[in-house]
Amino acid sequence: MTKYIDNVNTYLSQMKIKQTYVSMKSGIDKKKLSRILTGTQDASGTDMERIANALGERMEFFLNDSFSVPRIMDFEPEKIAFYAGETTEKQEEVANKLLQLMENIDEVMSAKNRFLNISRE
């Protein structure tokens, strides 16, 4: 296997990213991606570029001799992130409302409990 593929596999493993996600983001067929990542099929320059872009990195990142992947535990534990592609205005509005709900979930649940307690009286 090439250094590029070894580094991509290390990145996927440490960041806990599934091949299915990379396939979807890169547009590379799942079976072809699997063959590339196992070293059964050589990756073209285009394939390498598409895989790197799908992972939010430049191709050179995976070719670097001093390759290192940030450890997941280095990220703040109370934060959750995922990439859902380019969002529409409506999707962004819904996401912001969900964030507000998550930030205020204690108050929402507390209000529900108070309401239930009042209804029992």
PDB file of N, CA and C in Angstrom:
ATOM      1  N   MET A   1       0.839  -1.187   0.000  1.00  0.00           N
ATOM      2  CA  MET A   1       0.000   0.000   0.000  1.00  0.00           C
ATOM      3  C   MET A   1       0.881   1.245   0.000  1.00  0.00           C
ATOM      4  N   THR A   2       0.349   2.302  -0.531  1.00  0.00           N
ATOM      5  CA  THR A   2       1.100   3.552  -0.587  1.00  0.00           C
ATOM      6  C   THR A   2       0.994   4.307   0.731  1.00  0.00           C
ATOM      7  N   LYS A   3       1.895   5.257   0.906  1.00  0.00           N
ATOM      8  CA  LYS A   3       1.867   6.104   2.098  1.00  0.00           C
ATOM      9  C   LYS A   3       0.523   6.827   2.188  1.00  0.00           C
ATOM     10  N   TYR A   4       0.034   7.296   1.039  1.00  0.00           N
ATOM     11  CA  TYR A   4      -1.238   8.020   1.004  1.00  0.00           C
ATOM     12  C   TYR A   4      -2.359   7.137   1.579  1.00  0.00           C
ATOM     13  N   ILE A   5      -2.471   5.912   1.084  1.00  0.00           N
ATOM     14  CA  ILE A   5      -3.547   5.010   1.528  1.00  0.00           C
ATOM     15  C   ILE A   5      -3.362   4.634   2.991  1.00  0.00           C
ATOM     16  N   ASP A   6      -2.118   4.373   3.403  1.00  0.00           N
ATOM     17  CA  ASP A   6      -1.867   4.078   4.826  1.00  0.00           C
ATOM     18  C   ASP A   6      -2.326   5.236   5.708  1.00  0.00           C
ATOM     19  N   ASN A   7      -1.989   6.457   5.308  1.00  0.00           N
ATOM     20  CA  ASN A   7      -2.368   7.629   6.091  1.00  0.00           C
ATOM     21  C   ASN A   7      -3.878   7.844   6.096  1.00  0.00           C
ATOM     22  N   VAL A   8      -4.537   7.624   4.954  1.00  0.00           N
ATOM     23  CA  VAL A   8      -5.998   7.760   4.894  1.00  0.00           C
ATOM     24  C   VAL A   8      -6.641   6.733   5.814  1.00  0.00           C
ATOM     25  N   ASN A   9      -6.167   5.492   5.762  1.00  0.00           N
ATOM     26  CA  ASN A   9      -6.734   4.446   6.627  1.00  0.00           C
ATOM     27  C   ASN A   9      -6.521   4.767   8.099  1.00  0.00           C
ATOM     28  N   THR A  10      -5.359   5.290   8.452  1.00  0.00           N
ATOM     29  CA  THR A  10      -5.096   5.699   9.835  1.00  0.00           C
ATOM     30  C   THR A  10      -6.056   6.800  10.248  1.00  0.00           C
ATOM     31  N   TYR A  11      -6.235   7.775   9.371  1.00  0.00           N
ATOM     32  CA  TYR A  11      -7.134   8.897   9.637  1.00  0.00           C
ATOM     33  C   TYR A  11      -8.568   8.398   9.847  1.00  0.00           C
ATOM     34  N   LEU A  12      -9.033   7.539   8.933  1.00  0.00           N
ATOM     35  CA  LEU A  12     -10.398   7.009   9.043  1.00  0.00           C
ATOM     36  C   LEU A  12     -10.582   6.248  10.351  1.00  0.00           C
ATOM     37  N   SER A  13      -9.595   5.454  10.701  1.00  0.00           N
ATOM     38  CA  SER A  13      -9.680   4.650  11.914  1.00  0.00           C
ATOM     39  C   SER A  13      -9.696   5.530  13.162  1.00  0.00           C
ATOM     40  N   GLN A  14      -8.767   6.453  13.257  1.00  0.00           N
ATOM     41  CA  GLN A  14      -8.668   7.283  14.454  1.00  0.00           C
ATOM     42  C   GLN A  14      -9.825   8.269  14.580  1.00  0.00           C
ATOM     43  N   MET A  15     -10.328   8.752  13.454  1.00  0.00           N
ATOM     44  CA  MET A  15     -11.436   9.708  13.494  1.00  0.00           C
ATOM     45  C   MET A  15     -12.792   9.000  13.472  1.00  0.00           C
ATOM     46  N   LYS A  16     -12.753   7.673  13.372  1.00  0.00           N
ATOM     47  CA  LYS A  16     -13.962   6.843  13.371  1.00  0.00           C
ATOM     48  C   LYS A  16     -14.928   7.249  12.246  1.00  0.00           C
ATOM     49  N   ILE A  17     -14.354   7.373  11.047  1.00  0.00           N
ATOM     50  CA  ILE A  17     -15.124   7.729   9.858  1.00  0.00           C
ATOM     51  C   ILE A  17     -15.323   6.477   9.021  1.00  0.00           C
ATOM     52  N   LYS A  18     -16.535   6.243   8.615  1.00  0.00           N
ATOM     53  CA  LYS A  18     -16.876   5.053   7.842  1.00  0.00           C
ATOM     54  C   LYS A  18     -16.590   5.274   6.357  1.00  0.00           C
ATOM     55  N   GLN A  19     -16.251   4.180   5.679  1.00  0.00           N
ATOM     56  CA  GLN A  19     -16.024   4.235   4.232  1.00  0.00           C
ATOM     57  C   GLN A  19     -17.284   4.685   3.497  1.00  0.00           C
ATOM     58  N   THR A  20     -18.432   4.336   4.023  1.00  0.00           N
ATOM     59  CA  THR A  20     -19.695   4.725   3.401  1.00  0.00           C
ATOM     60  C   THR A  20     -19.799   6.239   3.305  1.00  0.00           C
ATOM     61  N   TYR A  21     -19.393   6.924   4.363  1.00  0.00           N
ATOM     62  CA  TYR A  21     -19.416   8.382   4.374  1.00  0.00           C
ATOM     63  C   TYR A  21     -18.473   8.934   3.307  1.00  0.00           C
ATOM     64  N   VAL A  22     -17.261   8.386   3.248  1.00  0.00           N
ATOM     65  CA  VAL A  22     -16.275   8.861   2.272  1.00  0.00           C
ATOM     66  C   VAL A  22     -16.783   8.618   0.859  1.00  0.00           C
ATOM     67  N   SER A  23     -17.401   7.472   0.652  1.00  0.00           N
ATOM     68  CA  SER A  23     -17.959   7.156  -0.662  1.00  0.00           C
ATOM     69  C   SER A  23     -19.030   8.166  -1.055  1.00  0.00           C
ATOM     70  N   MET A  24     -19.914   8.449  -0.125  1.00  0.00           N
ATOM     71  CA  MET A  24     -20.999   9.393  -0.392  1.00  0.00           C
ATOM     72  C   MET A  24     -20.452  10.787  -0.679  1.00  0.00           C
ATOM     73  N   LYS A  25     -19.503  11.250   0.132  1.00  0.00           N
ATOM     74  CA  LYS A  25     -18.951  12.601  -0.020  1.00  0.00           C
ATOM     75  C   LYS A  25     -18.067  12.736  -1.257  1.00  0.00           C
ATOM     76  N   SER A  26     -17.354  11.672  -1.603  1.00  0.00           N
ATOM     77  CA  SER A  26     -16.403  11.751  -2.713  1.00  0.00           C
ATOM     78  C   SER A  26     -17.034  11.399  -4.056  1.00  0.00           C
ATOM     79  N   GLY A  27     -18.149  10.664  -4.006  1.00  0.00           N
ATOM     80  CA  GLY A  27     -18.763  10.212  -5.254  1.00  0.00           C
ATOM     81  C   GLY A  27     -18.101   8.958  -5.816  1.00  0.00           C
ATOM     82  N   ILE A  28     -17.185   8.383  -5.061  1.00  0.00           N
ATOM     83  CA  ILE A  28     -16.518   7.147  -5.489  1.00  0.00           C
ATOM     84  C   ILE A  28     -17.378   5.970  -5.044  1.00  0.00           C
ATOM     85  N   ASP A  29     -17.629   5.049  -5.951  1.00  0.00           N
ATOM     86  CA  ASP A  29     -18.423   3.855  -5.648  1.00  0.00           C
ATOM     87  C   ASP A  29     -17.848   3.135  -4.418  1.00  0.00           C
ATOM     88  N   LYS A  30     -18.746   2.629  -3.552  1.00  0.00           N
ATOM     89  CA  LYS A  30     -18.320   1.970  -2.302  1.00  0.00           C
ATOM     90  C   LYS A  30     -17.338   0.828  -2.556  1.00  0.00           C
ATOM     91  N   LYS A  31     -17.630   0.010  -3.561  1.00  0.00           N
ATOM     92  CA  LYS A  31     -16.765  -1.146  -3.837  1.00  0.00           C
ATOM     93  C   LYS A  31     -15.401  -0.693  -4.333  1.00  0.00           C
ATOM     94  N   LYS A  32     -15.391   0.318  -5.189  1.00  0.00           N
ATOM     95  CA  LYS A  32     -14.115   0.836  -5.685  1.00  0.00           C
ATOM     96  C   LYS A  32     -13.322   1.444  -4.542  1.00  0.00           C
ATOM     97  N   LEU A  33     -13.980   2.212  -3.678  1.00  0.00           N
ATOM     98  CA  LEU A  33     -13.293   2.818  -2.543  1.00  0.00           C
ATOM     99  C   LEU A  33     -12.699   1.739  -1.646  1.00  0.00           C
ATOM    100  N   SER A  34     -13.435   0.682  -1.410  1.00  0.00           N
ATOM    101  CA  SER A  34     -12.946  -0.416  -0.586  1.00  0.00           C
ATOM    102  C   SER A  34     -11.695  -1.035  -1.204  1.00  0.00           C
ATOM    103  N   ARG A  35     -11.728  -1.236  -2.525  1.00  0.00           N
ATOM    104  CA  ARG A  35     -10.549  -1.807  -3.210  1.00  0.00           C
ATOM    105  C   ARG A  35      -9.358  -0.865  -3.095  1.00  0.00           C
ATOM    106  N   ILE A  36      -9.600   0.434  -3.203  1.00  0.00           N
ATOM    107  CA  ILE A  36      -8.514   1.413  -3.084  1.00  0.00           C
ATOM    108  C   ILE A  36      -7.931   1.383  -1.672  1.00  0.00           C
ATOM    109  N   LEU A  37      -8.796   1.376  -0.670  1.00  0.00           N
ATOM    110  CA  LEU A  37      -8.331   1.444   0.721  1.00  0.00           C
ATOM    111  C   LEU A  37      -7.687   0.153   1.210  1.00  0.00           C
ATOM    112  N   THR A  38      -7.971  -0.950   0.537  1.00  0.00           N
ATOM    113  CA  THR A  38      -7.304  -2.208   0.905  1.00  0.00           C
ATOM    114  C   THR A  38      -6.059  -2.443   0.061  1.00  0.00           C
ATOM    115  N   GLY A  39      -5.808  -1.578  -0.920  1.00  0.00           N
ATOM    116  CA  GLY A  39      -4.622  -1.709  -1.755  1.00  0.00           C
ATOM    117  C   GLY A  39      -4.800  -2.648  -2.928  1.00  0.00           C
ATOM    118  N   THR A  40      -6.012  -3.156  -3.123  1.00  0.00           N
ATOM    119  CA  THR A  40      -6.290  -4.053  -4.241  1.00  0.00           C
ATOM    120  C   THR A  40      -6.282  -3.295  -5.564  1.00  0.00           C
ATOM    121  N   GLN A  41      -6.707  -2.055  -5.528  1.00  0.00           N
ATOM    122  CA  GLN A  41      -6.765  -1.214  -6.722  1.00  0.00           C
ATOM    123  C   GLN A  41      -5.963   0.056  -6.456  1.00  0.00           C
ATOM    124  N   ASP A  42      -5.180   0.462  -7.436  1.00  0.00           N
ATOM    125  CA  ASP A  42      -4.420   1.705  -7.303  1.00  0.00           C
ATOM    126  C   ASP A  42      -5.359   2.893  -7.386  1.00  0.00           C
ATOM    127  N   ALA A  43      -5.049   3.913  -6.604  1.00  0.00           N
ATOM    128  CA  ALA A  43      -5.844   5.144  -6.621  1.00  0.00           C
ATOM    129  C   ALA A  43      -5.249   6.092  -7.646  1.00  0.00           C
ATOM    130  N   SER A  44      -6.101   6.660  -8.463  1.00  0.00           N
ATOM    131  CA  SER A  44      -5.642   7.673  -9.415  1.00  0.00           C
ATOM    132  C   SER A  44      -5.479   8.989  -8.659  1.00  0.00           C
ATOM    133  N   GLY A  45      -4.838   9.952  -9.304  1.00  0.00           N
ATOM    134  CA  GLY A  45      -4.697  11.277  -8.703  1.00  0.00           C
ATOM    135  C   GLY A  45      -6.054  11.889  -8.406  1.00  0.00           C
ATOM    136  N   THR A  46      -7.007  11.671  -9.309  1.00  0.00           N
ATOM    137  CA  THR A  46      -8.364  12.187  -9.113  1.00  0.00           C
ATOM    138  C   THR A  46      -9.021  11.532  -7.901  1.00  0.00           C
ATOM    139  N   ASP A  47      -8.858  10.210  -7.778  1.00  0.00           N
ATOM    140  CA  ASP A  47      -9.417   9.496  -6.624  1.00  0.00           C
ATOM    141  C   ASP A  47      -8.835  10.037  -5.323  1.00  0.00           C
ATOM    142  N   MET A  48      -7.521  10.228  -5.320  1.00  0.00           N
ATOM    143  CA  MET A  48      -6.849  10.716  -4.114  1.00  0.00           C
ATOM    144  C   MET A  48      -7.356  12.109  -3.744  1.00  0.00           C
ATOM    145  N   GLU A  49      -7.529  12.949  -4.733  1.00  0.00           N
ATOM    146  CA  GLU A  49      -8.028  14.308  -4.498  1.00  0.00           C
ATOM    147  C   GLU A  49      -9.454  14.269  -3.966  1.00  0.00           C
ATOM    148  N   ARG A  50     -10.293  13.414  -4.538  1.00  0.00           N
ATOM    149  CA  ARG A  50     -11.690  13.322  -4.105  1.00  0.00           C
ATOM    150  C   ARG A  50     -11.804  12.780  -2.685  1.00  0.00           C
ATOM    151  N   ILE A  51     -10.970  11.815  -2.334  1.00  0.00           N
ATOM    152  CA  ILE A  51     -10.984  11.257  -0.979  1.00  0.00           C
ATOM    153  C   ILE A  51     -10.555  12.329   0.027  1.00  0.00           C
ATOM    154  N   ALA A  52      -9.470  13.028  -0.289  1.00  0.00           N
ATOM    155  CA  ALA A  52      -8.982  14.081   0.612  1.00  0.00           C
ATOM    156  C   ALA A  52     -10.040  15.171   0.791  1.00  0.00           C
ATOM    157  N   ASN A  53     -10.650  15.605  -0.301  1.00  0.00           N
ATOM    158  CA  ASN A  53     -11.693  16.636  -0.216  1.00  0.00           C
ATOM    159  C   ASN A  53     -12.871  16.163   0.618  1.00  0.00           C
ATOM    160  N   ALA A  54     -13.247  14.900   0.465  1.00  0.00           N
ATOM    161  CA  ALA A  54     -14.362  14.348   1.238  1.00  0.00           C
ATOM    162  C   ALA A  54     -14.062  14.375   2.729  1.00  0.00           C
ATOM    163  N   LEU A  55     -12.780  14.284   3.074  1.00  0.00           N
ATOM    164  CA  LEU A  55     -12.372  14.292   4.478  1.00  0.00           C
ATOM    165  C   LEU A  55     -12.030  15.695   4.965  1.00  0.00           C
ATOM    166  N   GLY A  56     -12.223  16.686   4.103  1.00  0.00           N
ATOM    167  CA  GLY A  56     -11.984  18.067   4.500  1.00  0.00           C
ATOM    168  C   GLY A  56     -10.516  18.439   4.571  1.00  0.00           C
ATOM    169  N   GLU A  57      -9.685  17.710   3.866  1.00  0.00           N
ATOM    170  CA  GLU A  57      -8.248  17.965   3.875  1.00  0.00           C
ATOM    171  C   GLU A  57      -7.746  18.111   2.441  1.00  0.00           C
ATOM    172  N   ARG A  58      -6.522  18.578   2.327  1.00  0.00           N
ATOM    173  CA  ARG A  58      -5.868  18.635   1.017  1.00  0.00           C
ATOM    174  C   ARG A  58      -5.129  17.326   0.802  1.00  0.00           C
ATOM    175  N   MET A  59      -4.923  16.947  -0.439  1.00  0.00           N
ATOM    176  CA  MET A  59      -4.261  15.685  -0.743  1.00  0.00           C
ATOM    177  C   MET A  59      -2.875  15.626  -0.109  1.00  0.00           C
ATOM    178  N   GLU A  60      -2.174  16.742  -0.075  1.00  0.00           N
ATOM    179  CA  GLU A  60      -0.824  16.793   0.482  1.00  0.00           C
ATOM    180  C   GLU A  60      -0.793  16.400   1.963  1.00  0.00           C
ATOM    181  N   PHE A  61      -1.887  16.647   2.676  1.00  0.00           N
ATOM    182  CA  PHE A  61      -1.979  16.286   4.092  1.00  0.00           C
ATOM    183  C   PHE A  61      -1.717  14.794   4.280  1.00  0.00           C
ATOM    184  N   PHE A  62      -2.254  13.968   3.379  1.00  0.00           N
ATOM    185  CA  PHE A  62      -2.107  12.513   3.495  1.00  0.00           C
ATOM    186  C   PHE A  62      -0.796  11.997   2.900  1.00  0.00           C
ATOM    187  N   LEU A  63      -0.059  12.869   2.210  1.00  0.00           N
ATOM    188  CA  LEU A  63       1.228  12.479   1.634  1.00  0.00           C
ATOM    189  C   LEU A  63       2.388  12.922   2.518  1.00  0.00           C
ATOM    190  N   ASN A  64       2.109  13.668   3.557  1.00  0.00           N
ATOM    191  CA  ASN A  64       3.114  14.237   4.432  1.00  0.00           C
ATOM    192  C   ASN A  64       3.857  13.153   5.207  1.00  0.00           C
ATOM    193  N   ASP A  65       5.191  13.278   5.269  1.00  0.00           N
ATOM    194  CA  ASP A  65       5.997  12.314   6.033  1.00  0.00           C
ATOM    195  C   ASP A  65       5.701  12.374   7.520  1.00  0.00           C
ATOM    196  N   SER A  66       5.454  13.578   8.029  1.00  0.00           N
ATOM    197  CA  SER A  66       5.166  13.734   9.456  1.00  0.00           C
ATOM    198  C   SER A  66       3.651  13.757   9.676  1.00  0.00           C
ATOM    199  N   PHE A  67       2.985  12.757   9.182  1.00  0.00           N
ATOM    200  CA  PHE A  67       1.527  12.656   9.257  1.00  0.00           C
ATOM    201  C   PHE A  67       1.087  12.360  10.686  1.00  0.00           C
ATOM    202  N   SER A  68       0.146  13.153  11.180  1.00  0.00           N
ATOM    203  CA  SER A  68      -0.433  12.857  12.490  1.00  0.00           C
ATOM    204  C   SER A  68      -1.904  13.266  12.474  1.00  0.00           C
ATOM    205  N   VAL A  69      -2.697  12.491  13.166  1.00  0.00           N
ATOM    206  CA  VAL A  69      -4.141  12.704  13.232  1.00  0.00           C
ATOM    207  C   VAL A  69      -4.475  13.223  14.619  1.00  0.00           C
ATOM    208  N   PRO A  70      -5.305  14.280  14.698  1.00  0.00           N
ATOM    209  CA  PRO A  70      -5.709  14.727  16.035  1.00  0.00           C
ATOM    210  C   PRO A  70      -6.494  13.623  16.729  1.00  0.00           C
ATOM    211  N   ARG A  71      -6.216  13.440  18.006  1.00  0.00           N
ATOM    212  CA  ARG A  71      -6.938  12.411  18.757  1.00  0.00           C
ATOM    213  C   ARG A  71      -8.329  12.934  19.089  1.00  0.00           C
ATOM    214  N   ILE A  72      -9.309  12.059  18.998  1.00  0.00           N
ATOM    215  CA  ILE A  72     -10.689  12.452  19.272  1.00  0.00           C
ATOM    216  C   ILE A  72     -10.826  12.978  20.692  1.00  0.00           C
ATOM    217  N   MET A  73     -10.099  12.386  21.629  1.00  0.00           N
ATOM    218  CA  MET A  73     -10.226  12.826  23.020  1.00  0.00           C
ATOM    219  C   MET A  73      -9.662  14.226  23.228  1.00  0.00           C
ATOM    220  N   ASP A  74      -8.930  14.752  22.245  1.00  0.00           N
ATOM    221  CA  ASP A  74      -8.423  16.118  22.345  1.00  0.00           C
ATOM    222  C   ASP A  74      -9.522  17.147  22.088  1.00  0.00           C
ATOM    223  N   PHE A  75     -10.623  16.710  21.495  1.00  0.00           N
ATOM    224  CA  PHE A  75     -11.725  17.617  21.233  1.00  0.00           C
ATOM    225  C   PHE A  75     -12.528  17.809  22.513  1.00  0.00           C
ATOM    226  N   GLU A  76     -13.197  18.928  22.607  1.00  0.00           N
ATOM    227  CA  GLU A  76     -14.005  19.195  23.786  1.00  0.00           C
ATOM    228  C   GLU A  76     -15.150  18.186  23.849  1.00  0.00           C
ATOM    229  N   PRO A  77     -15.341  17.516  24.994  1.00  0.00           N
ATOM    230  CA  PRO A  77     -16.335  16.444  25.080  1.00  0.00           C
ATOM    231  C   PRO A  77     -17.780  16.920  24.970  1.00  0.00           C
ATOM    232  N   GLU A  78     -18.045  18.182  25.275  1.00  0.00           N
ATOM    233  CA  GLU A  78     -19.431  18.625  25.232  1.00  0.00           C
ATOM    234  C   GLU A  78     -19.850  19.126  23.860  1.00  0.00           C
ATOM    235  N   LYS A  79     -18.964  19.031  22.902  1.00  0.00           N
ATOM    236  CA  LYS A  79     -19.297  19.509  21.569  1.00  0.00           C
ATOM    237  C   LYS A  79     -19.475  18.341  20.616  1.00  0.00           C
ATOM    238  N   ILE A  80     -20.467  18.467  19.772  1.00  0.00           N
ATOM    239  CA  ILE A  80     -20.741  17.463  18.755  1.00  0.00           C
ATOM    240  C   ILE A  80     -20.698  18.167  17.419  1.00  0.00           C
ATOM    241  N   ALA A  81     -20.043  17.558  16.448  1.00  0.00           N
ATOM    242  CA  ALA A  81     -19.969  18.180  15.134  1.00  0.00           C
ATOM    243  C   ALA A  81     -20.095  17.119  14.062  1.00  0.00           C
ATOM    244  N   PHE A  82     -20.686  17.509  12.970  1.00  0.00           N
ATOM    245  CA  PHE A  82     -20.729  16.664  11.791  1.00  0.00           C
ATOM    246  C   PHE A  82     -20.906  17.560  10.588  1.00  0.00           C
ATOM    247  N   TYR A  83     -20.527  17.054   9.449  1.00  0.00           N
ATOM    248  CA  TYR A  83     -20.640  17.832   8.227  1.00  0.00           C
ATOM    249  C   TYR A  83     -21.788  17.271   7.416  1.00  0.00           C
ATOM    250  N   ALA A  84     -22.734  18.130   7.079  1.00  0.00           N
ATOM    251  CA  ALA A  84     -23.912  17.696   6.329  1.00  0.00           C
ATOM    252  C   ALA A  84     -23.942  18.321   4.938  1.00  0.00           C
ATOM    253  N   GLY A  85     -22.813  18.809   4.482  1.00  0.00           N
ATOM    254  CA  GLY A  85     -22.773  19.439   3.168  1.00  0.00           C
ATOM    255  C   GLY A  85     -23.184  20.897   3.252  1.00  0.00           C
ATOM    256  N   GLU A  86     -23.323  21.516   2.107  1.00  0.00           N
ATOM    257  CA  GLU A  86     -23.756  22.906   2.061  1.00  0.00           C
ATOM    258  C   GLU A  86     -25.233  22.972   2.431  1.00  0.00           C
ATOM    259  N   THR A  87     -25.556  23.807   3.385  1.00  0.00           N
ATOM    260  CA  THR A  87     -26.931  23.874   3.871  1.00  0.00           C
ATOM    261  C   THR A  87     -27.712  24.976   3.167  1.00  0.00           C
ATOM    262  N   THR A  88     -29.013  24.740   3.081  1.00  0.00           N
ATOM    263  CA  THR A  88     -29.897  25.780   2.568  1.00  0.00           C
ATOM    264  C   THR A  88     -30.227  26.715   3.729  1.00  0.00           C
ATOM    265  N   GLU A  89     -30.840  27.829   3.432  1.00  0.00           N
ATOM    266  CA  GLU A  89     -31.224  28.778   4.476  1.00  0.00           C
ATOM    267  C   GLU A  89     -32.191  28.129   5.465  1.00  0.00           C
ATOM    268  N   LYS A  90     -33.142  27.357   4.950  1.00  0.00           N
ATOM    269  CA  LYS A  90     -34.137  26.689   5.794  1.00  0.00           C
ATOM    270  C   LYS A  90     -33.461  25.657   6.707  1.00  0.00           C
ATOM    271  N   GLN A  91     -32.517  24.879   6.165  1.00  0.00           N
ATOM    272  CA  GLN A  91     -31.812  23.884   6.973  1.00  0.00           C
ATOM    273  C   GLN A  91     -31.000  24.552   8.076  1.00  0.00           C
ATOM    274  N   GLU A  92     -30.390  25.681   7.760  1.00  0.00           N
ATOM    275  CA  GLU A  92     -29.624  26.406   8.761  1.00  0.00           C
ATOM    276  C   GLU A  92     -30.532  26.929   9.869  1.00  0.00           C
ATOM    277  N   GLU A  93     -31.719  27.383   9.497  1.00  0.00           N
ATOM    278  CA  GLU A  93     -32.690  27.863  10.477  1.00  0.00           C
ATOM    279  C   GLU A  93     -33.108  26.733  11.418  1.00  0.00           C
ATOM    280  N   VAL A  94     -33.384  25.556  10.858  1.00  0.00           N
ATOM    281  CA  VAL A  94     -33.773  24.399  11.670  1.00  0.00           C
ATOM    282  C   VAL A  94     -32.619  23.996  12.587  1.00  0.00           C
ATOM    283  N   ALA A  95     -31.398  23.992  12.061  1.00  0.00           N
ATOM    284  CA  ALA A  95     -30.233  23.624  12.869  1.00  0.00           C
ATOM    285  C   ALA A  95     -30.058  24.602  14.033  1.00  0.00           C
ATOM    286  N   ASN A  96     -30.247  25.882  13.782  1.00  0.00           N
ATOM    287  CA  ASN A  96     -30.121  26.868  14.857  1.00  0.00           C
ATOM    288  C   ASN A  96     -31.184  26.679  15.924  1.00  0.00           C
ATOM    289  N   LYS A  97     -32.404  26.328  15.507  1.00  0.00           N
ATOM    290  CA  LYS A  97     -33.463  26.063  16.485  1.00  0.00           C
ATOM    291  C   LYS A  97     -33.133  24.827  17.321  1.00  0.00           C
ATOM    292  N   LEU A  98     -32.565  23.808  16.687  1.00  0.00           N
ATOM    293  CA  LEU A  98     -32.166  22.609  17.430  1.00  0.00           C
ATOM    294  C   LEU A  98     -31.063  22.934  18.430  1.00  0.00           C
ATOM    295  N   LEU A  99     -30.131  23.778  18.025  1.00  0.00           N
ATOM    296  CA  LEU A  99     -29.078  24.186  18.954  1.00  0.00           C
ATOM    297  C   LEU A  99     -29.654  24.928  20.147  1.00  0.00           C
ATOM    298  N   GLN A 100     -30.603  25.810  19.896  1.00  0.00           N
ATOM    299  CA  GLN A 100     -31.249  26.537  21.000  1.00  0.00           C
ATOM    300  C   GLN A 100     -31.949  25.554  21.930  1.00  0.00           C
ATOM    301  N   LEU A 101     -32.631  24.564  21.360  1.00  0.00           N
ATOM    302  CA  LEU A 101     -33.302  23.559  22.177  1.00  0.00           C
ATOM    303  C   LEU A 101     -32.290  22.814  23.033  1.00  0.00           C
ATOM    304  N   MET A 102     -31.186  22.391  22.432  1.00  0.00           N
ATOM    305  CA  MET A 102     -30.178  21.650  23.180  1.00  0.00           C
ATOM    306  C   MET A 102     -29.563  22.502  24.288  1.00  0.00           C
ATOM    307  N   GLU A 103     -29.358  23.787  24.018  1.00  0.00           N
ATOM    308  CA  GLU A 103     -28.792  24.666  25.031  1.00  0.00           C
ATOM    309  C   GLU A 103     -29.752  24.886  26.189  1.00  0.00           C
ATOM    310  N   ASN A 104     -31.043  24.744  25.927  1.00  0.00           N
ATOM    311  CA  ASN A 104     -32.053  25.020  26.957  1.00  0.00           C
ATOM    312  C   ASN A 104     -32.837  23.772  27.364  1.00  0.00           C
ATOM    313  N   ILE A 105     -32.306  22.616  27.122  1.00  0.00           N
ATOM    314  CA  ILE A 105     -33.031  21.365  27.364  1.00  0.00           C
ATOM    315  C   ILE A 105     -33.406  21.210  28.845  1.00  0.00           C
ATOM    316  N   ASP A 106     -32.549  21.659  29.742  1.00  0.00           N
ATOM    317  CA  ASP A 106     -32.872  21.559  31.169  1.00  0.00           C
ATOM    318  C   ASP A 106     -34.132  22.358  31.501  1.00  0.00           C
ATOM    319  N   GLU A 107     -34.216  23.565  30.951  1.00  0.00           N
ATOM    320  CA  GLU A 107     -35.394  24.388  31.212  1.00  0.00           C
ATOM    321  C   GLU A 107     -36.642  23.777  30.589  1.00  0.00           C
ATOM    322  N   VAL A 108     -36.494  23.200  29.399  1.00  0.00           N
ATOM    323  CA  VAL A 108     -37.634  22.575  28.730  1.00  0.00           C
ATOM    324  C   VAL A 108     -38.135  21.390  29.549  1.00  0.00           C
ATOM    325  N   MET A 109     -37.222  20.541  29.994  1.00  0.00           N
ATOM    326  CA  MET A 109     -37.619  19.361  30.770  1.00  0.00           C
ATOM    327  C   MET A 109     -38.173  19.760  32.132  1.00  0.00           C
ATOM    328  N   SER A 110     -37.603  20.772  32.734  1.00  0.00           N
ATOM    329  CA  SER A 110     -38.069  21.257  34.026  1.00  0.00           C
ATOM    330  C   SER A 110     -39.495  21.803  33.908  1.00  0.00           C
ATOM    331  N   ALA A 111     -39.762  22.544  32.833  1.00  0.00           N
ATOM    332  CA  ALA A 111     -41.111  23.082  32.606  1.00  0.00           C
ATOM    333  C   ALA A 111     -42.099  21.948  32.404  1.00  0.00           C
ATOM    334  N   LYS A 112     -41.703  20.910  31.705  1.00  0.00           N
ATOM    335  CA  LYS A 112     -42.584  19.763  31.487  1.00  0.00           C
ATOM    336  C   LYS A 112     -42.925  19.110  32.824  1.00  0.00           C
ATOM    337  N   ASN A 113     -41.921  18.906  33.671  1.00  0.00           N
ATOM    338  CA  ASN A 113     -42.153  18.287  34.977  1.00  0.00           C
ATOM    339  C   ASN A 113     -43.073  19.149  35.843  1.00  0.00           C
ATOM    340  N   ARG A 114     -42.857  20.469  35.818  1.00  0.00           N
ATOM    341  CA  ARG A 114     -43.732  21.358  36.593  1.00  0.00           C
ATOM    342  C   ARG A 114     -45.172  21.245  36.092  1.00  0.00           C
ATOM    343  N   PHE A 115     -45.352  21.210  34.794  1.00  0.00           N
ATOM    344  CA  PHE A 115     -46.679  21.093  34.215  1.00  0.00           C
ATOM    345  C   PHE A 115     -47.350  19.788  34.629  1.00  0.00           C
ATOM    346  N   LEU A 116     -46.596  18.699  34.579  1.00  0.00           N
ATOM    347  CA  LEU A 116     -47.146  17.407  34.982  1.00  0.00           C
ATOM    348  C   LEU A 116     -47.509  17.390  36.452  1.00  0.00           C
ATOM    349  N   ASN A 117     -46.678  18.016  37.289  1.00  0.00           N
ATOM    350  CA  ASN A 117     -46.969  18.067  38.729  1.00  0.00           C
ATOM    351  C   ASN A 117     -48.232  18.889  39.006  1.00  0.00           C
ATOM    352  N   ILE A 118     -48.397  19.995  38.295  1.00  0.00           N
ATOM    353  CA  ILE A 118     -49.600  20.814  38.470  1.00  0.00           C
ATOM    354  C   ILE A 118     -50.837  20.065  38.044  1.00  0.00           C
ATOM    355  N   SER A 119     -50.723  19.303  36.958  1.00  0.00           N
ATOM    356  CA  SER A 119     -51.898  18.573  36.444  1.00  0.00           C
ATOM    357  C   SER A 119     -52.310  17.442  37.389  1.00  0.00           C
ATOM    358  N   ARG A 120     -51.404  16.955  38.221  1.00  0.00           N
ATOM    359  CA  ARG A 120     -51.745  15.896  39.162  1.00  0.00           C
ATOM    360  C   ARG A 120     -52.427  16.433  40.392  1.00  0.00           C
ATOM    361  N   GLU A 121     -52.249  17.712  40.675  1.00  0.00           N
ATOM    362  CA  GLU A 121     -52.822  18.298  41.890  1.00  0.00           C
ATOM    363  C   GLU A 121     -54.270  18.563  41.787  1.00  0.00           C
TER     364      GLU A 121
END
